[in-house]
Amino acid sequence: MLFLNKFSIVKFYLVIIALFLLLLFFQYKNNSNIYTYFIYKQQINKITLENENFELKSKLMELQKENEYLAKYKEIYNSIAKTTHIKAFLEIKYANNNQNGRYIIAKSNKDVKNNDLVVDKYGVLIGRVIESNSSIIKVQLINDNKSNLPVVANGIDGIIKGTDKKDCQIVFENFNQKVPQDGSLVLTSGFEGFIHFGVVVGRIKLKDNNVCIENDNIKHLDKLIVI
């Protein structure tokens, strides 16, 4: 009888120990799940912060680029503005900027004549007046494939022409095949006599075998000025 009682007590303790171990197992598993969730949450938060930082850096780079752009042309624009007579501000009716022709149609103005240059609010060349009458003013954009204007870059005279290439819409050409340095400022040369000298066109960008002109202003046709 005593032996049975001892056996029952041992059995009882074994059951208690088994239950305790089972409880520890479930507790460990639960804690492991909580830990896994915590790590997962941390990783999600980290990725979210990295994405937000990337977006902020991208916006900052855009602002810095815009500030550099404005600073680049401010001094030139101010010097041109002091010596250049503003004839009119164009009131644009519509613009066509595709391979079928790149031009602007604006309201007529008696002060605007053929071959007058058109610049944007920063003083950067956009195009040239090719038609001016009592009805309309037509401005041929410098990236039109029929456009060509005399320019100078790095002391090298040449002409700029519009092309149908998406990555090089304006090219620099000359007869002696001299190539200006990459990044050189391109200005109108006034070689033909009726074109103003010293109007900013853009900067030289060497791409493959092409001498291209960088002019992002051509994409934003607002607040145009006739000089």
Foldseek 3Di string as FASTA:
>chain_A
DVVVVVVVVVVVVVVVVVVVVVVVVVVVVVVVVVVVVVVVVVVVVVVVVVVVVVVVVVVVVVVVVVVVVLVVLQVLQVVCVVVDDFQDWWAWPDFDPALVFGKTKTAADPSDDFQWFKDAPSQATFFTFHDHDNGITMTGGQLHQVDKAWKDWPNDIFIWGADNDPVAGIFTDDDVPDAHDFFTWIWGCCVVVSHDTRGTHATWHDDDPTTGGDDPCNVPPPRMTTD
